PDB file of N, CA and C in Angstrom:
ATOM      1  N   UNK A   1     -24.109  51.315 -15.598  1.00  0.00           N
ATOM      2  CA  UNK A   1     -25.269  51.164 -14.785  1.00  0.00           C
ATOM      3  C   UNK A   1     -25.049  50.258 -13.516  1.00  0.00           C
ATOM      4  N   UNK A   2     -25.457  50.940 -12.460  1.00  0.00           N
ATOM      5  CA  UNK A   2     -25.163  50.338 -11.176  1.00  0.00           C
ATOM      6  C   UNK A   2     -26.516  50.075 -10.475  1.00  0.00           C
ATOM      7  N   UNK A   3     -26.405  49.127  -9.594  1.00  0.00           N
ATOM      8  CA  UNK A   3     -27.676  48.839  -8.874  1.00  0.00           C
ATOM      9  C   UNK A   3     -27.497  48.972  -7.402  1.00  0.00           C
ATOM     10  N   UNK A   4     -28.636  49.059  -6.715  1.00  0.00           N
ATOM     11  CA  UNK A   4     -28.507  49.298  -5.337  1.00  0.00           C
ATOM     12  C   UNK A   4     -29.023  48.099  -4.580  1.00  0.00           C
ATOM     13  N   UNK A   5     -28.375  46.960  -4.974  1.00  0.00           N
ATOM     14  CA  UNK A   5     -28.506  45.618  -4.147  1.00  0.00           C
ATOM     15  C   UNK A   5     -27.962  45.627  -2.928  1.00  0.00           C
ATOM     16  N   UNK A   6     -28.635  45.170  -1.908  1.00  0.00           N
ATOM     17  CA  UNK A   6     -27.996  44.968  -0.688  1.00  0.00           C
ATOM     18  C   UNK A   6     -28.447  43.707  -0.051  1.00  0.00           C
ATOM     19  N   UNK A   7     -27.582  42.676  -0.139  1.00  0.00           N
ATOM     20  CA  UNK A   7     -27.755  41.316   0.393  1.00  0.00           C
ATOM     21  C   UNK A   7     -27.077  40.957   1.531  1.00  0.00           C
ATOM     22  N   UNK A   8     -27.662  40.468   2.569  1.00  0.00           N
ATOM     23  CA  UNK A   8     -26.895  39.892   3.798  1.00  0.00           C
ATOM     24  C   UNK A   8     -26.320  38.518   3.518  1.00  0.00           C
ATOM     25  N   UNK A   9     -25.061  38.581   3.559  1.00  0.00           N
ATOM     26  CA  UNK A   9     -24.349  37.297   3.281  1.00  0.00           C
ATOM     27  C   UNK A   9     -23.430  37.085   4.588  1.00  0.00           C
ATOM     28  N   UNK A  10     -22.827  35.648   4.563  1.00  0.00           N
ATOM     29  CA  UNK A  10     -21.975  35.360   5.663  1.00  0.00           C
ATOM     30  C   UNK A  10     -20.617  35.220   4.931  1.00  0.00           C
ATOM     31  N   UNK A  11     -19.593  35.704   5.595  1.00  0.00           N
ATOM     32  CA  UNK A  11     -18.059  35.546   5.042  1.00  0.00           C
ATOM     33  C   UNK A  11     -17.709  34.239   5.089  1.00  0.00           C
ATOM     34  N   UNK A  12     -17.045  33.709   3.998  1.00  0.00           N
ATOM     35  CA  UNK A  12     -16.700  32.344   3.880  1.00  0.00           C
ATOM     36  C   UNK A  12     -15.393  32.079   4.713  1.00  0.00           C
ATOM     37  N   UNK A  13     -14.873  33.115   5.103  1.00  0.00           N
ATOM     38  CA  UNK A  13     -13.625  32.954   5.855  1.00  0.00           C
ATOM     39  C   UNK A  13     -13.935  33.068   7.325  1.00  0.00           C
ATOM     40  N   UNK A  14     -14.390  34.248   7.674  1.00  0.00           N
ATOM     41  CA  UNK A  14     -14.573  34.426   9.208  1.00  0.00           C
ATOM     42  C   UNK A  14     -15.962  34.145   9.653  1.00  0.00           C
ATOM     43  N   UNK A  15     -16.897  33.856   8.858  1.00  0.00           N
ATOM     44  CA  UNK A  15     -18.252  33.573   9.358  1.00  0.00           C
ATOM     45  C   UNK A  15     -19.068  34.821   9.894  1.00  0.00           C
ATOM     46  N   UNK A  16     -18.624  35.942   9.596  1.00  0.00           N
ATOM     47  CA  UNK A  16     -19.259  37.114   9.987  1.00  0.00           C
ATOM     48  C   UNK A  16     -20.347  37.560   9.069  1.00  0.00           C
ATOM     49  N   UNK A  17     -21.490  38.150   9.581  1.00  0.00           N
ATOM     50  CA  UNK A  17     -22.493  38.547   8.692  1.00  0.00           C
ATOM     51  C   UNK A  17     -21.959  40.052   8.109  1.00  0.00           C
ATOM     52  N   UNK A  18     -22.383  40.217   6.776  1.00  0.00           N
ATOM     53  CA  UNK A  18     -22.070  41.480   6.106  1.00  0.00           C
ATOM     54  C   UNK A  18     -22.972  41.840   5.090  1.00  0.00           C
ATOM     55  N   UNK A  19     -23.169  43.035   4.640  1.00  0.00           N
ATOM     56  CA  UNK A  19     -24.004  43.385   3.532  1.00  0.00           C
ATOM     57  C   UNK A  19     -23.266  43.480   2.181  1.00  0.00           C
ATOM     58  N   UNK A  20     -23.650  42.658   1.345  1.00  0.00           N
ATOM     59  CA  UNK A  20     -22.891  42.645  -0.013  1.00  0.00           C
ATOM     60  C   UNK A  20     -23.661  43.543  -1.095  1.00  0.00           C
ATOM     61  N   UNK A  21     -22.777  43.990  -2.014  1.00  0.00           N
ATOM     62  CA  UNK A  21     -23.398  44.908  -2.984  1.00  0.00           C
ATOM     63  C   UNK A  21     -23.675  44.093  -4.304  1.00  0.00           C
ATOM     64  N   UNK A  22     -23.017  42.835  -4.334  1.00  0.00           N
ATOM     65  CA  UNK A  22     -23.226  42.103  -5.580  1.00  0.00           C
ATOM     66  C   UNK A  22     -23.640  40.858  -5.114  1.00  0.00           C
ATOM     67  N   UNK A  23     -23.987  39.970  -6.146  1.00  0.00           N
ATOM     68  CA  UNK A  23     -24.526  38.530  -5.687  1.00  0.00           C
ATOM     69  C   UNK A  23     -23.327  37.596  -5.725  1.00  0.00           C
ATOM     70  N   UNK A  24     -22.204  37.921  -5.986  1.00  0.00           N
ATOM     71  CA  UNK A  24     -21.109  36.912  -6.066  1.00  0.00           C
ATOM     72  C   UNK A  24     -20.002  37.251  -4.912  1.00  0.00           C
ATOM     73  N   UNK A  25     -20.222  38.215  -4.110  1.00  0.00           N
ATOM     74  CA  UNK A  25     -19.228  38.525  -3.005  1.00  0.00           C
ATOM     75  C   UNK A  25     -19.226  37.444  -1.924  1.00  0.00           C
ATOM     76  N   UNK A  26     -18.032  36.966  -1.675  1.00  0.00           N
ATOM     77  CA  UNK A  26     -17.855  35.881  -0.828  1.00  0.00           C
ATOM     78  C   UNK A  26     -17.369  36.279   0.532  1.00  0.00           C
ATOM     79  N   UNK A  27     -16.616  37.476   0.626  1.00  0.00           N
ATOM     80  CA  UNK A  27     -15.948  37.730   1.721  1.00  0.00           C
ATOM     81  C   UNK A  27     -16.208  39.174   2.245  1.00  0.00           C
ATOM     82  N   UNK A  28     -16.167  39.299   3.603  1.00  0.00           N
ATOM     83  CA  UNK A  28     -16.725  40.667   4.150  1.00  0.00           C
ATOM     84  C   UNK A  28     -15.585  41.792   3.842  1.00  0.00           C
ATOM     85  N   UNK A  29     -14.394  41.540   3.711  1.00  0.00           N
ATOM     86  CA  UNK A  29     -13.363  42.594   3.522  1.00  0.00           C
ATOM     87  C   UNK A  29     -12.214  42.027   2.687  1.00  0.00           C
ATOM     88  N   UNK A  30     -11.516  42.873   2.185  1.00  0.00           N
ATOM     89  CA  UNK A  30     -10.264  42.648   1.566  1.00  0.00           C
ATOM     90  C   UNK A  30      -9.334  41.745   2.273  1.00  0.00           C
ATOM     91  N   UNK A  31      -9.279  42.025   3.674  1.00  0.00           N
ATOM     92  CA  UNK A  31      -8.439  41.364   4.620  1.00  0.00           C
ATOM     93  C   UNK A  31      -8.794  39.735   4.639  1.00  0.00           C
ATOM     94  N   UNK A  32     -10.082  39.562   4.775  1.00  0.00           N
ATOM     95  CA  UNK A  32     -10.522  38.153   4.754  1.00  0.00           C
ATOM     96  C   UNK A  32     -10.276  37.551   3.225  1.00  0.00           C
ATOM     97  N   UNK A  33     -10.468  38.299   2.238  1.00  0.00           N
ATOM     98  CA  UNK A  33     -10.198  37.593   0.996  1.00  0.00           C
ATOM     99  C   UNK A  33      -8.681  37.282   0.910  1.00  0.00           C
ATOM    100  N   UNK A  34      -7.856  38.212   1.248  1.00  0.00           N
ATOM    101  CA  UNK A  34      -6.447  37.903   1.266  1.00  0.00           C
ATOM    102  C   UNK A  34      -6.128  36.717   2.065  1.00  0.00           C
ATOM    103  N   UNK A  35      -6.656  36.664   3.321  1.00  0.00           N
ATOM    104  CA  UNK A  35      -6.406  35.466   4.113  1.00  0.00           C
ATOM    105  C   UNK A  35      -6.833  34.136   3.668  1.00  0.00           C
ATOM    106  N   UNK A  36      -8.114  34.207   2.949  1.00  0.00           N
ATOM    107  CA  UNK A  36      -8.541  32.990   2.305  1.00  0.00           C
ATOM    108  C   UNK A  36      -7.695  32.503   1.091  1.00  0.00           C
ATOM    109  N   UNK A  37      -7.165  33.560   0.403  1.00  0.00           N
ATOM    110  CA  UNK A  37      -6.370  33.181  -0.669  1.00  0.00           C
ATOM    111  C   UNK A  37      -5.025  32.553  -0.236  1.00  0.00           C
ATOM    112  N   UNK A  38      -4.471  33.073   0.874  1.00  0.00           N
ATOM    113  CA  UNK A  38      -3.133  32.514   1.378  1.00  0.00           C
ATOM    114  C   UNK A  38      -3.474  31.113   1.975  1.00  0.00           C
ATOM    115  N   UNK A  39      -4.579  30.986   2.567  1.00  0.00           N
ATOM    116  CA  UNK A  39      -5.027  29.550   3.121  1.00  0.00           C
ATOM    117  C   UNK A  39      -5.048  28.636   2.033  1.00  0.00           C
ATOM    118  N   UNK A  40      -5.854  28.955   0.835  1.00  0.00           N
ATOM    119  CA  UNK A  40      -6.074  28.105  -0.293  1.00  0.00           C
ATOM    120  C   UNK A  40      -4.616  27.784  -0.843  1.00  0.00           C
ATOM    121  N   UNK A  41      -3.756  28.780  -0.980  1.00  0.00           N
ATOM    122  CA  UNK A  41      -2.318  28.593  -1.530  1.00  0.00           C
ATOM    123  C   UNK A  41      -1.513  27.609  -0.614  1.00  0.00           C
ATOM    124  N   UNK A  42      -1.634  27.743   0.701  1.00  0.00           N
ATOM    125  CA  UNK A  42      -0.973  26.888   1.643  1.00  0.00           C
ATOM    126  C   UNK A  42      -1.372  25.555   1.445  1.00  0.00           C
ATOM    127  N   UNK A  43      -2.824  25.264   1.487  1.00  0.00           N
ATOM    128  CA  UNK A  43      -3.287  23.921   1.383  1.00  0.00           C
ATOM    129  C   UNK A  43      -2.879  23.376   0.089  1.00  0.00           C
ATOM    130  N   UNK A  44      -2.856  24.042  -1.029  1.00  0.00           N
ATOM    131  CA  UNK A  44      -2.480  23.597  -2.394  1.00  0.00           C
ATOM    132  C   UNK A  44      -0.933  23.117  -2.247  1.00  0.00           C
ATOM    133  N   UNK A  45      -0.141  23.913  -1.609  1.00  0.00           N
ATOM    134  CA  UNK A  45       1.296  23.500  -1.424  1.00  0.00           C
ATOM    135  C   UNK A  45       1.468  22.305  -0.623  1.00  0.00           C
ATOM    136  N   UNK A  46       0.643  22.210   0.468  1.00  0.00           N
ATOM    137  CA  UNK A  46       0.808  20.924   1.306  1.00  0.00           C
ATOM    138  C   UNK A  46       0.338  19.829   0.535  1.00  0.00           C
ATOM    139  N   UNK A  47      -0.694  19.925  -0.343  1.00  0.00           N
ATOM    140  CA  UNK A  47      -1.287  18.697  -0.999  1.00  0.00           C
ATOM    141  C   UNK A  47      -0.114  18.331  -1.970  1.00  0.00           C
ATOM    142  N   UNK A  48       0.454  19.273  -2.541  1.00  0.00           N
ATOM    143  CA  UNK A  48       1.458  19.028  -3.635  1.00  0.00           C
ATOM    144  C   UNK A  48       2.695  18.255  -2.842  1.00  0.00           C
ATOM    145  N   UNK A  49       3.092  18.662  -1.678  1.00  0.00           N
ATOM    146  CA  UNK A  49       4.242  18.081  -1.050  1.00  0.00           C
ATOM    147  C   UNK A  49       3.956  16.682  -0.553  1.00  0.00           C
ATOM    148  N   UNK A  50       2.669  16.427  -0.111  1.00  0.00           N
ATOM    149  CA  UNK A  50       2.282  15.200   0.204  1.00  0.00           C
ATOM    150  C   UNK A  50       2.295  14.210  -0.892  1.00  0.00           C
ATOM    151  N   UNK A  51       1.784  14.659  -2.074  1.00  0.00           N
ATOM    152  CA  UNK A  51       1.743  13.808  -3.304  1.00  0.00           C
ATOM    153  C   UNK A  51       3.223  13.423  -3.579  1.00  0.00           C
ATOM    154  N   UNK A  52       4.090  14.269  -3.643  1.00  0.00           N
ATOM    155  CA  UNK A  52       5.575  14.159  -3.790  1.00  0.00           C
ATOM    156  C   UNK A  52       6.157  13.015  -2.941  1.00  0.00           C
ATOM    157  N   UNK A  53       5.849  13.189  -1.708  1.00  0.00           N
ATOM    158  CA  UNK A  53       6.367  12.255  -0.640  1.00  0.00           C
ATOM    159  C   UNK A  53       5.827  10.867  -0.900  1.00  0.00           C
ATOM    160  N   UNK A  54       4.615  10.803  -1.264  1.00  0.00           N
ATOM    161  CA  UNK A  54       3.946   9.428  -1.465  1.00  0.00           C
ATOM    162  C   UNK A  54       4.559   8.791  -2.594  1.00  0.00           C
ATOM    163  N   UNK A  55       4.916   9.727  -3.695  1.00  0.00           N
ATOM    164  CA  UNK A  55       5.454   9.076  -5.023  1.00  0.00           C
ATOM    165  C   UNK A  55       6.844   8.763  -4.582  1.00  0.00           C
ATOM    166  N   UNK A  56       7.694   9.341  -3.846  1.00  0.00           N
ATOM    167  CA  UNK A  56       9.043   8.935  -3.451  1.00  0.00           C
ATOM    168  C   UNK A  56       9.041   7.758  -2.753  1.00  0.00           C
ATOM    169  N   UNK A  57       8.207   7.584  -1.779  1.00  0.00           N
ATOM    170  CA  UNK A  57       8.038   6.378  -1.002  1.00  0.00           C
ATOM    171  C   UNK A  57       7.650   5.096  -1.846  1.00  0.00           C
ATOM    172  N   UNK A  58       6.741   5.309  -2.724  1.00  0.00           N
ATOM    173  CA  UNK A  58       6.344   4.225  -3.572  1.00  0.00           C
ATOM    174  C   UNK A  58       7.577   3.777  -4.480  1.00  0.00           C
ATOM    175  N   UNK A  59       8.230   4.792  -5.088  1.00  0.00           N
ATOM    176  CA  UNK A  59       9.219   4.478  -5.860  1.00  0.00           C
ATOM    177  C   UNK A  59      10.353   3.649  -5.094  1.00  0.00           C
ATOM    178  N   UNK A  60      10.644   4.142  -3.808  1.00  0.00           N
ATOM    179  CA  UNK A  60      11.563   3.412  -3.050  1.00  0.00           C
ATOM    180  C   UNK A  60      11.065   1.877  -2.720  1.00  0.00           C
ATOM    181  N   UNK A  61       9.913   1.779  -2.551  1.00  0.00           N
ATOM    182  CA  UNK A  61       9.434   0.444  -2.266  1.00  0.00           C
ATOM    183  C   UNK A  61       9.549  -0.498  -3.462  1.00  0.00           C
ATOM    184  N   UNK A  62       9.225   0.117  -4.583  1.00  0.00           N
ATOM    185  CA  UNK A  62       9.395  -0.692  -5.813  1.00  0.00           C
ATOM    186  C   UNK A  62      10.780  -1.059  -5.997  1.00  0.00           C
ATOM    187  N   UNK A  63      11.886  -0.162  -5.862  1.00  0.00           N
ATOM    188  CA  UNK A  63      13.096  -0.376  -5.932  1.00  0.00           C
ATOM    189  C   UNK A  63      13.535  -1.522  -4.982  1.00  0.00           C
ATOM    190  N   UNK A  64      13.060  -1.601  -3.642  1.00  0.00           N
ATOM    191  CA  UNK A  64      13.374  -2.640  -2.817  1.00  0.00           C
ATOM    192  C   UNK A  64      12.778  -3.975  -3.178  1.00  0.00           C
ATOM    193  N   UNK A  65      11.632  -3.953  -3.815  1.00  0.00           N
ATOM    194  CA  UNK A  65      10.874  -5.137  -4.348  1.00  0.00           C
ATOM    195  C   UNK A  65      11.807  -5.777  -5.430  1.00  0.00           C
ATOM    196  N   UNK A  66      12.345  -4.948  -6.167  1.00  0.00           N
ATOM    197  CA  UNK A  66      13.166  -5.337  -7.300  1.00  0.00           C
ATOM    198  C   UNK A  66      14.548  -6.054  -7.001  1.00  0.00           C
ATOM    199  N   UNK A  67      15.038  -5.712  -5.789  1.00  0.00           N
ATOM    200  CA  UNK A  67      16.318  -6.193  -5.349  1.00  0.00           C
ATOM    201  C   UNK A  67      16.196  -7.548  -5.099  1.00  0.00           C
ATOM    202  N   UNK A  68      17.378  -8.422  -5.195  1.00  0.00           N
ATOM    203  CA  UNK A  68      17.354  -9.795  -4.932  1.00  0.00           C
ATOM    204  C   UNK A  68      17.984 -10.067  -3.480  1.00  0.00           C
ATOM    205  N   UNK A  69      18.874  -9.121  -3.135  1.00  0.00           N
ATOM    206  CA  UNK A  69      19.533  -9.284  -1.814  1.00  0.00           C
ATOM    207  C   UNK A  69      19.344  -7.966  -0.988  1.00  0.00           C
ATOM    208  N   UNK A  70      18.965  -8.019   0.231  1.00  0.00           N
ATOM    209  CA  UNK A  70      18.804  -6.894   0.979  1.00  0.00           C
ATOM    210  C   UNK A  70      19.475  -6.748   2.372  1.00  0.00           C
ATOM    211  N   UNK A  71      19.673  -5.770   2.781  1.00  0.00           N
ATOM    212  CA  UNK A  71      20.362  -5.436   4.065  1.00  0.00           C
ATOM    213  C   UNK A  71      19.258  -5.425   5.125  1.00  0.00           C
ATOM    214  N   UNK A  72      19.526  -5.445   6.303  1.00  0.00           N
ATOM    215  CA  UNK A  72      18.639  -5.467   7.419  1.00  0.00           C
ATOM    216  C   UNK A  72      17.690  -4.204   7.395  1.00  0.00           C
ATOM    217  N   UNK A  73      18.376  -3.081   7.139  1.00  0.00           N
ATOM    218  CA  UNK A  73      17.583  -1.860   6.968  1.00  0.00           C
ATOM    219  C   UNK A  73      16.614  -1.974   5.914  1.00  0.00           C
ATOM    220  N   UNK A  74      16.921  -2.330   4.769  1.00  0.00           N
ATOM    221  CA  UNK A  74      16.189  -2.438   3.571  1.00  0.00           C
ATOM    222  C   UNK A  74      15.022  -3.435   3.802  1.00  0.00           C
ATOM    223  N   UNK A  75      15.352  -4.628   4.513  1.00  0.00           N
ATOM    224  CA  UNK A  75      14.230  -5.610   4.729  1.00  0.00           C
ATOM    225  C   UNK A  75      13.298  -4.885   5.728  1.00  0.00           C
ATOM    226  N   UNK A  76      13.725  -4.200   6.683  1.00  0.00           N
ATOM    227  CA  UNK A  76      12.727  -3.593   7.676  1.00  0.00           C
ATOM    228  C   UNK A  76      11.918  -2.589   6.924  1.00  0.00           C
ATOM    229  N   UNK A  77      12.459  -1.906   6.092  1.00  0.00           N
ATOM    230  CA  UNK A  77      11.556  -0.878   5.345  1.00  0.00           C
ATOM    231  C   UNK A  77      10.659  -1.667   4.484  1.00  0.00           C
ATOM    232  N   UNK A  78      11.054  -2.679   3.768  1.00  0.00           N
ATOM    233  CA  UNK A  78      10.141  -3.376   2.933  1.00  0.00           C
ATOM    234  C   UNK A  78       8.964  -3.980   3.683  1.00  0.00           C
ATOM    235  N   UNK A  79       9.233  -4.466   4.863  1.00  0.00           N
ATOM    236  CA  UNK A  79       8.148  -5.216   5.548  1.00  0.00           C
ATOM    237  C   UNK A  79       7.549  -4.263   6.775  1.00  0.00           C
ATOM    238  N   UNK A  80       7.901  -3.087   6.757  1.00  0.00           N
ATOM    239  CA  UNK A  80       7.422  -1.933   7.675  1.00  0.00           C
ATOM    240  C   UNK A  80       7.489  -2.609   9.126  1.00  0.00           C
ATOM    241  N   UNK A  81       8.456  -3.121   9.504  1.00  0.00           N
ATOM    242  CA  UNK A  81       8.861  -3.610  10.879  1.00  0.00           C
ATOM    243  C   UNK A  81      10.295  -3.032  11.291  1.00  0.00           C
ATOM    244  N   UNK A  82      10.536  -2.991  12.588  1.00  0.00           N
ATOM    245  CA  UNK A  82      11.833  -2.477  12.999  1.00  0.00           C
ATOM    246  C   UNK A  82      12.962  -3.204  12.700  1.00  0.00           C
ATOM    247  N   UNK A  83      14.243  -2.704  12.794  1.00  0.00           N
ATOM    248  CA  UNK A  83      15.568  -3.544  12.580  1.00  0.00           C
ATOM    249  C   UNK A  83      15.585  -4.675  13.585  1.00  0.00           C
ATOM    250  N   UNK A  84      15.215  -4.374  14.866  1.00  0.00           N
ATOM    251  CA  UNK A  84      15.217  -5.373  15.884  1.00  0.00           C
ATOM    252  C   UNK A  84      14.397  -6.550  15.501  1.00  0.00           C
ATOM    253  N   UNK A  85      13.355  -6.364  14.807  1.00  0.00           N
ATOM    254  CA  UNK A  85      12.302  -7.480  14.692  1.00  0.00           C
ATOM    255  C   UNK A  85      13.016  -8.457  13.555  1.00  0.00           C
ATOM    256  N   UNK A  86      13.747  -7.666  12.555  1.00  0.00           N
ATOM    257  CA  UNK A  86      14.481  -8.664  11.626  1.00  0.00           C
ATOM    258  C   UNK A  86      15.472  -9.244  12.239  1.00  0.00           C
ATOM    259  N   UNK A  87      16.289  -8.641  13.145  1.00  0.00           N
ATOM    260  CA  UNK A  87      17.467  -9.282  13.869  1.00  0.00           C
ATOM    261  C   UNK A  87      16.914 -10.412  14.561  1.00  0.00           C
ATOM    262  N   UNK A  88      15.911 -10.227  15.380  1.00  0.00           N
ATOM    263  CA  UNK A  88      15.306 -11.348  16.121  1.00  0.00           C
ATOM    264  C   UNK A  88      14.923 -12.532  15.196  1.00  0.00           C
ATOM    265  N   UNK A  89      14.233 -12.282  14.149  1.00  0.00           N
ATOM    266  CA  UNK A  89      13.893 -13.332  13.211  1.00  0.00           C
ATOM    267  C   UNK A  89      15.050 -14.104  12.739  1.00  0.00           C
ATOM    268  N   UNK A  90      16.186 -13.416  12.509  1.00  0.00           N
ATOM    269  CA  UNK A  90      17.353 -14.141  12.102  1.00  0.00           C
ATOM    270  C   UNK A  90      17.982 -14.858  13.248  1.00  0.00           C
ATOM    271  N   UNK A  91      17.958 -14.484  14.364  1.00  0.00           N
ATOM    272  CA  UNK A  91      18.529 -15.159  15.543  1.00  0.00           C
ATOM    273  C   UNK A  91      17.577 -16.351  15.882  1.00  0.00           C
ATOM    274  N   UNK A  92      16.386 -16.238  15.652  1.00  0.00           N
ATOM    275  CA  UNK A  92      15.471 -17.409  15.899  1.00  0.00           C
ATOM    276  C   UNK A  92      15.460 -18.357  14.785  1.00  0.00           C
ATOM    277  N   UNK A  93      16.211 -18.205  13.692  1.00  0.00           N
ATOM    278  CA  UNK A  93      16.324 -19.068  12.617  1.00  0.00           C
ATOM    279  C   UNK A  93      14.968 -18.982  11.616  1.00  0.00           C
ATOM    280  N   UNK A  94      14.281 -18.000  11.739  1.00  0.00           N
ATOM    281  CA  UNK A  94      12.960 -17.978  10.985  1.00  0.00           C
ATOM    282  C   UNK A  94      13.275 -17.246   9.768  1.00  0.00           C
ATOM    283  N   UNK A  95      14.421 -16.612   9.672  1.00  0.00           N
ATOM    284  CA  UNK A  95      14.881 -16.001   8.451  1.00  0.00           C
ATOM    285  C   UNK A  95      16.291 -16.242   8.285  1.00  0.00           C
ATOM    286  N   UNK A  96      16.562 -16.672   7.065  1.00  0.00           N
ATOM    287  CA  UNK A  96      17.922 -17.099   6.614  1.00  0.00           C
ATOM    288  C   UNK A  96      18.630 -15.742   6.336  1.00  0.00           C
ATOM    289  N   UNK A  97      19.872 -15.740   6.779  1.00  0.00           N
ATOM    290  CA  UNK A  97      20.759 -14.496   6.564  1.00  0.00           C
ATOM    291  C   UNK A  97      22.255 -14.872   6.512  1.00  0.00           C
ATOM    292  N   UNK A  98      23.100 -14.177   5.700  1.00  0.00           N
ATOM    293  CA  UNK A  98      24.590 -14.445   5.485  1.00  0.00           C
ATOM    294  C   UNK A  98      25.250 -13.221   6.092  1.00  0.00           C
ATOM    295  N   UNK A  99      26.204 -13.403   6.906  1.00  0.00           N
ATOM    296  CA  UNK A  99      26.956 -12.293   7.410  1.00  0.00           C
ATOM    297  C   UNK A  99      28.248 -12.341   6.463  1.00  0.00           C
ATOM    298  N   UNK A 100      28.338 -11.083   5.870  1.00  0.00           N
ATOM    299  CA  UNK A 100      29.580 -10.911   5.090  1.00  0.00           C
ATOM    300  C   UNK A 100      30.466  -9.639   5.618  1.00  0.00           C
ATOM    301  N   UNK A 101      31.342 -10.008   6.551  1.00  0.00           N
ATOM    302  CA  UNK A 101      32.048  -9.010   7.297  1.00  0.00           C
ATOM    303  C   UNK A 101      31.002  -8.506   8.302  1.00  0.00           C
ATOM    304  N   UNK A 102      30.956  -7.241   8.427  1.00  0.00           N
ATOM    305  CA  UNK A 102      29.979  -6.563   9.319  1.00  0.00           C
ATOM    306  C   UNK A 102      28.495  -6.536   8.750  1.00  0.00           C
ATOM    307  N   UNK A 103      28.335  -6.734   7.497  1.00  0.00           N
ATOM    308  CA  UNK A 103      27.112  -6.598   6.857  1.00  0.00           C
ATOM    309  C   UNK A 103      26.250  -7.957   6.837  1.00  0.00           C
ATOM    310  N   UNK A 104      25.036  -7.846   7.013  1.00  0.00           N
ATOM    311  CA  UNK A 104      24.143  -8.996   6.932  1.00  0.00           C
ATOM    312  C   UNK A 104      23.264  -8.958   5.780  1.00  0.00           C
ATOM    313  N   UNK A 105      23.257  -9.923   4.883  1.00  0.00           N
ATOM    314  CA  UNK A 105      22.713  -9.870   3.665  1.00  0.00           C
ATOM    315  C   UNK A 105      21.514 -11.038   3.759  1.00  0.00           C
ATOM    316  N   UNK A 106      20.265 -10.551   3.216  1.00  0.00           N
ATOM    317  CA  UNK A 106      19.114 -11.419   3.236  1.00  0.00           C
ATOM    318  C   UNK A 106      18.483 -11.680   1.880  1.00  0.00           C
ATOM    319  N   UNK A 107      18.283 -12.819   1.397  1.00  0.00           N
ATOM    320  CA  UNK A 107      17.699 -12.992   0.052  1.00  0.00           C
ATOM    321  C   UNK A 107      16.344 -12.747  -0.002  1.00  0.00           C
ATOM    322  N   UNK A 108      15.853 -12.123  -0.931  1.00  0.00           N
ATOM    323  CA  UNK A 108      14.484 -11.659  -1.133  1.00  0.00           C
ATOM    324  C   UNK A 108      13.513 -12.986  -1.041  1.00  0.00           C
ATOM    325  N   UNK A 109      14.017 -14.047  -1.589  1.00  0.00           N
ATOM    326  CA  UNK A 109      13.141 -15.312  -1.552  1.00  0.00           C
ATOM    327  C   UNK A 109      13.025 -15.885  -0.220  1.00  0.00           C
ATOM    328  N   UNK A 110      13.770 -15.531   0.675  1.00  0.00           N
ATOM    329  CA  UNK A 110      13.655 -16.068   2.084  1.00  0.00           C
ATOM    330  C   UNK A 110      12.738 -15.072   2.774  1.00  0.00           C
ATOM    331  N   UNK A 111      12.614 -13.865   2.344  1.00  0.00           N
ATOM    332  CA  UNK A 111      11.557 -13.039   2.968  1.00  0.00           C
ATOM    333  C   UNK A 111      10.253 -13.314   2.601  1.00  0.00           C
ATOM    334  N   UNK A 112      10.192 -13.641   1.166  1.00  0.00           N
ATOM    335  CA  UNK A 112       8.860 -14.249   0.606  1.00  0.00           C
ATOM    336  C   UNK A 112       8.465 -15.355   1.259  1.00  0.00           C
ATOM    337  N   UNK A 113       9.340 -16.268   1.612  1.00  0.00           N
ATOM    338  CA  UNK A 113       8.905 -17.587   2.209  1.00  0.00           C
ATOM    339  C   UNK A 113       8.548 -17.665   3.663  1.00  0.00           C
ATOM    340  N   UNK A 114       8.718 -16.476   4.317  1.00  0.00           N
ATOM    341  CA  UNK A 114       8.229 -16.234   5.724  1.00  0.00           C
ATOM    342  C   UNK A 114       6.692 -16.383   5.655  1.00  0.00           C
ATOM    343  N   UNK A 115       6.044 -15.828   4.536  1.00  0.00           N
ATOM    344  CA  UNK A 115       4.593 -15.658   4.524  1.00  0.00           C
ATOM    345  C   UNK A 115       3.825 -16.865   3.804  1.00  0.00           C
ATOM    346  N   UNK A 116       4.721 -17.750   3.283  1.00  0.00           N
ATOM    347  CA  UNK A 116       3.936 -18.937   2.708  1.00  0.00           C
ATOM    348  C   UNK A 116       4.033 -20.203   3.614  1.00  0.00           C
TER     349      UNK A 116
END
């Protein structure tokens, strides 16, 4: 049994007016439906990628917070400042550091004491 319903709707993808034959039609054409599906899939993949990136960053921060000794790069990542800012703090004796060969090692406790 078919009905002769004709409803004027607005396409959810292209915002064009069209005449729908059912009450659940959302798109004006197969082309708009396909494009909307691709857009939803693309957005879902982007959200998944962003969530994975946030997770990797948070794991990295947790690992840095667990370390007792840090390099200049690790200290700058932990504090969200540049390497030069850490180097200037060491040069100004605001942050204690030990030079072992070419590496500079900073104690985690010394970084914590900067803010107390």
